Amino acid sequence: METHGKSKFNDHLRERTLQMAATLYWLLKDKKVSWIIRPGVNQIIRSSSSVAANFRAATRARSDAEFYAKICIVVEECDETLFWLDYLIRINLLDAATTKEIYSEVEQLVRLFNAIKSKMKIKIGV
């Protein structure tokens, strides 16, 4: 059973991941891009929403092993989101200065989820 503090932490991270996904969607939804770049734009929207959805699923896990499996997906999807964000900045589809805040948020989430994954790996002896 979740403790109150753990529940608040999970609620906070659920909100952060959902906000990150929504921010990226609103930032990119109306961008006029060529057919070559459109798959990358679509993929960052998918990967960022996957972070939010899989973290939510992780918090509903029935065991530590199930939680760990979901957190592994969260780390992978969050890192992919960071890749696409970096890529879209490098090809000048997004401006580095105006995306500084969301970029920092995604970086923080990657580090945070990676730390959670590492602790869980030790806890379950993987």
C-alpha atoms as a PDB file:
ATOM      1  CA  MET A   1       0.000   0.000   0.000  1.00  0.00           C
ATOM      2  CA  GLU A   2       1.262   3.472  -0.876  1.00  0.00           C
ATOM      3  CA  THR A   3       2.237   5.813   1.883  1.00  0.00           C
ATOM      4  CA  HIS A   4       0.858   9.328   1.754  1.00  0.00           C
ATOM      5  CA  GLY A   5       4.270  10.818   0.878  1.00  0.00           C
ATOM      6  CA  LYS A   6       4.843   8.342  -1.926  1.00  0.00           C
ATOM      7  CA  SER A   7       1.380   9.063  -3.270  1.00  0.00           C
ATOM      8  CA  LYS A   8       2.054  12.825  -3.317  1.00  0.00           C
ATOM      9  CA  PHE A   9       5.384  12.218  -5.068  1.00  0.00           C
ATOM     10  CA  ASN A  10       3.700  10.018  -7.683  1.00  0.00           C
ATOM     11  CA  ASP A  11       0.900  12.557  -8.177  1.00  0.00           C
ATOM     12  CA  HIS A  12       3.492  15.287  -8.666  1.00  0.00           C
ATOM     13  CA  LEU A  13       5.405  13.229 -11.245  1.00  0.00           C
ATOM     14  CA  ARG A  14       2.191  12.258 -13.016  1.00  0.00           C
ATOM     15  CA  GLU A  15       1.398  15.950 -13.387  1.00  0.00           C
ATOM     16  CA  ARG A  16       4.927  16.822 -14.543  1.00  0.00           C
ATOM     17  CA  THR A  17       4.973  14.099 -17.193  1.00  0.00           C
ATOM     18  CA  LEU A  18       1.500  14.961 -18.433  1.00  0.00           C
ATOM     19  CA  GLN A  19       2.407  18.657 -18.585  1.00  0.00           C
ATOM     20  CA  MET A  20       5.625  17.854 -20.460  1.00  0.00           C
ATOM     21  CA  ALA A  21       3.692  15.866 -23.075  1.00  0.00           C
ATOM     22  CA  ALA A  22       1.034  18.573 -23.430  1.00  0.00           C
ATOM     23  CA  THR A  23       3.646  21.325 -23.730  1.00  0.00           C
ATOM     24  CA  LEU A  24       5.434  19.497 -26.533  1.00  0.00           C
ATOM     25  CA  TYR A  25       2.151  18.849 -28.312  1.00  0.00           C
ATOM     26  CA  TRP A  26       1.112  22.519 -28.200  1.00  0.00           C
ATOM     27  CA  LEU A  27       4.604  23.605 -29.214  1.00  0.00           C
ATOM     28  CA  LEU A  28       4.602  21.386 -32.301  1.00  0.00           C
ATOM     29  CA  LYS A  29       1.009  20.782 -33.396  1.00  0.00           C
ATOM     30  CA  ASP A  30       0.779  23.691 -35.854  1.00  0.00           C
ATOM     31  CA  LYS A  31       4.360  23.620 -37.126  1.00  0.00           C
ATOM     32  CA  LYS A  32       4.499  23.584 -40.888  1.00  0.00           C
ATOM     33  CA  VAL A  33       7.080  20.958 -41.733  1.00  0.00           C
ATOM     34  CA  SER A  34       8.039  18.968 -44.770  1.00  0.00           C
ATOM     35  CA  TRP A  35       6.987  15.353 -45.141  1.00  0.00           C
ATOM     36  CA  ILE A  36      10.592  14.391 -44.322  1.00  0.00           C
ATOM     37  CA  ILE A  37      10.452  15.970 -40.848  1.00  0.00           C
ATOM     38  CA  ARG A  38       6.783  15.196 -40.020  1.00  0.00           C
ATOM     39  CA  PRO A  39       7.596  11.670 -38.690  1.00  0.00           C
ATOM     40  CA  GLY A  40      10.027  13.183 -36.148  1.00  0.00           C
ATOM     41  CA  VAL A  41       7.426  15.670 -34.969  1.00  0.00           C
ATOM     42  CA  ASN A  42       4.861  12.903 -34.633  1.00  0.00           C
ATOM     43  CA  GLN A  43       7.360  10.696 -32.806  1.00  0.00           C
ATOM     44  CA  ILE A  44       8.224  13.266 -30.127  1.00  0.00           C
ATOM     45  CA  ILE A  45       4.505  13.675 -29.448  1.00  0.00           C
ATOM     46  CA  ARG A  46       4.140   9.889 -29.160  1.00  0.00           C
ATOM     47  CA  SER A  47       7.241   9.364 -27.015  1.00  0.00           C
ATOM     48  CA  SER A  48       6.429  12.206 -24.614  1.00  0.00           C
ATOM     49  CA  SER A  49       2.852  11.011 -24.119  1.00  0.00           C
ATOM     50  CA  SER A  50       4.212   7.494 -23.621  1.00  0.00           C
ATOM     51  CA  VAL A  51       6.333   8.791 -20.730  1.00  0.00           C
ATOM     52  CA  ALA A  52       3.201  10.096 -19.012  1.00  0.00           C
ATOM     53  CA  ALA A  53       1.106   7.010 -19.744  1.00  0.00           C
ATOM     54  CA  ASN A  54       3.762   4.501 -18.707  1.00  0.00           C
ATOM     55  CA  PHE A  55       4.650   6.355 -15.515  1.00  0.00           C
ATOM     56  CA  ARG A  56       0.969   6.362 -14.611  1.00  0.00           C
ATOM     57  CA  ALA A  57       0.893   2.610 -15.278  1.00  0.00           C
ATOM     58  CA  ALA A  58       4.050   2.130 -13.182  1.00  0.00           C
ATOM     59  CA  THR A  59       2.386   3.780 -10.199  1.00  0.00           C
ATOM     60  CA  ARG A  60      -0.414   1.231 -10.491  1.00  0.00           C
ATOM     61  CA  ALA A  61       1.997  -1.729 -10.603  1.00  0.00           C
ATOM     62  CA  ARG A  62       1.077  -4.797  -8.562  1.00  0.00           C
ATOM     63  CA  SER A  63       4.675  -5.729  -7.774  1.00  0.00           C
ATOM     64  CA  ASP A  64       8.175  -4.278  -7.683  1.00  0.00           C
ATOM     65  CA  ALA A  65       9.057  -6.298 -10.800  1.00  0.00           C
ATOM     66  CA  GLU A  66       6.099  -4.841 -12.687  1.00  0.00           C
ATOM     67  CA  PHE A  67       7.030  -1.337 -11.503  1.00  0.00           C
ATOM     68  CA  TYR A  68      10.619  -1.861 -12.658  1.00  0.00           C
ATOM     69  CA  ALA A  69       9.499  -3.065 -16.099  1.00  0.00           C
ATOM     70  CA  LYS A  70       7.326   0.032 -16.576  1.00  0.00           C
ATOM     71  CA  ILE A  71      10.034   2.392 -15.298  1.00  0.00           C
ATOM     72  CA  CYS A  72      12.441   0.889 -17.848  1.00  0.00           C
ATOM     73  CA  ILE A  73       9.960   1.887 -20.567  1.00  0.00           C
ATOM     74  CA  VAL A  74       9.580   5.353 -19.032  1.00  0.00           C
ATOM     75  CA  VAL A  75      13.356   5.889 -19.095  1.00  0.00           C
ATOM     76  CA  GLU A  76      13.587   4.743 -22.707  1.00  0.00           C
ATOM     77  CA  GLU A  77      10.684   6.919 -23.878  1.00  0.00           C
ATOM     78  CA  CYS A  78      11.879   9.939 -21.918  1.00  0.00           C
ATOM     79  CA  ASP A  79      15.369   9.626 -23.400  1.00  0.00           C
ATOM     80  CA  GLU A  80      13.819   9.306 -26.867  1.00  0.00           C
ATOM     81  CA  THR A  81      11.822  12.475 -26.221  1.00  0.00           C
ATOM     82  CA  LEU A  82      15.057  14.255 -25.313  1.00  0.00           C
ATOM     83  CA  PHE A  83      16.662  12.959 -28.530  1.00  0.00           C
ATOM     84  CA  TRP A  84      13.835  14.284 -30.716  1.00  0.00           C
ATOM     85  CA  LEU A  85      13.777  17.602 -28.897  1.00  0.00           C
ATOM     86  CA  ASP A  86      17.523  17.986 -29.405  1.00  0.00           C
ATOM     87  CA  TYR A  87      17.178  16.976 -33.054  1.00  0.00           C
ATOM     88  CA  LEU A  88      14.354  19.436 -33.751  1.00  0.00           C
ATOM     89  CA  ILE A  89      16.396  22.211 -32.154  1.00  0.00           C
ATOM     90  CA  ARG A  90      19.495  21.300 -34.188  1.00  0.00           C
ATOM     91  CA  ILE A  91      17.597  21.411 -37.477  1.00  0.00           C
ATOM     92  CA  ASN A  92      16.120  24.778 -36.424  1.00  0.00           C
ATOM     93  CA  LEU A  93      12.522  23.618 -36.334  1.00  0.00           C
ATOM     94  CA  LEU A  94      12.503  24.722 -32.698  1.00  0.00           C
ATOM     95  CA  ASP A  95      14.414  27.612 -31.211  1.00  0.00           C
ATOM     96  CA  ALA A  96      16.818  26.661 -28.413  1.00  0.00           C
ATOM     97  CA  ALA A  97      16.129  29.855 -26.448  1.00  0.00           C
ATOM     98  CA  THR A  98      12.341  29.472 -26.468  1.00  0.00           C
ATOM     99  CA  THR A  99      12.481  25.759 -25.669  1.00  0.00           C
ATOM    100  CA  LYS A 100      15.065  26.096 -22.896  1.00  0.00           C
ATOM    101  CA  GLU A 101      12.507  25.453 -20.131  1.00  0.00           C
ATOM    102  CA  ILE A 102      10.940  22.336 -21.668  1.00  0.00           C
ATOM    103  CA  TYR A 103      14.384  21.024 -22.635  1.00  0.00           C
ATOM    104  CA  SER A 104      15.524  21.392 -19.033  1.00  0.00           C
ATOM    105  CA  GLU A 105      12.366  19.658 -17.799  1.00  0.00           C
ATOM    106  CA  VAL A 106      12.888  16.666 -20.093  1.00  0.00           C
ATOM    107  CA  GLU A 107      16.553  16.430 -19.032  1.00  0.00           C
ATOM    108  CA  GLN A 108      15.515  16.484 -15.373  1.00  0.00           C
ATOM    109  CA  LEU A 109      12.906  13.788 -15.958  1.00  0.00           C
ATOM    110  CA  VAL A 110      15.439  11.550 -17.723  1.00  0.00           C
ATOM    111  CA  ARG A 111      17.818  11.857 -14.761  1.00  0.00           C
ATOM    112  CA  LEU A 112      15.050  11.344 -12.211  1.00  0.00           C
ATOM    113  CA  PHE A 113      13.561   8.272 -13.873  1.00  0.00           C
ATOM    114  CA  ASN A 114      17.005   6.807 -14.462  1.00  0.00           C
ATOM    115  CA  ALA A 115      17.755   7.190 -10.734  1.00  0.00           C
ATOM    116  CA  ILE A 116      14.453   5.501  -9.851  1.00  0.00           C
ATOM    117  CA  LYS A 117      15.273   2.690 -12.285  1.00  0.00           C
ATOM    118  CA  SER A 118      18.736   2.214 -10.757  1.00  0.00           C
ATOM    119  CA  LYS A 119      17.335   2.040  -7.216  1.00  0.00           C
ATOM    120  CA  MET A 120      14.660  -0.433  -8.261  1.00  0.00           C
ATOM    121  CA  LYS A 121      17.233  -2.567 -10.052  1.00  0.00           C
ATOM    122  CA  ILE A 122      19.156  -2.904  -6.799  1.00  0.00           C
ATOM    123  CA  LYS A 123      15.964  -3.463  -4.766  1.00  0.00           C
ATOM    124  CA  ILE A 124      14.751  -6.356  -6.901  1.00  0.00           C
ATOM    125  CA  GLY A 125      18.217  -7.760  -7.582  1.00  0.00           C
ATOM    126  CA  VAL A 126      18.219  -7.530 -11.369  1.00  0.00           C
END
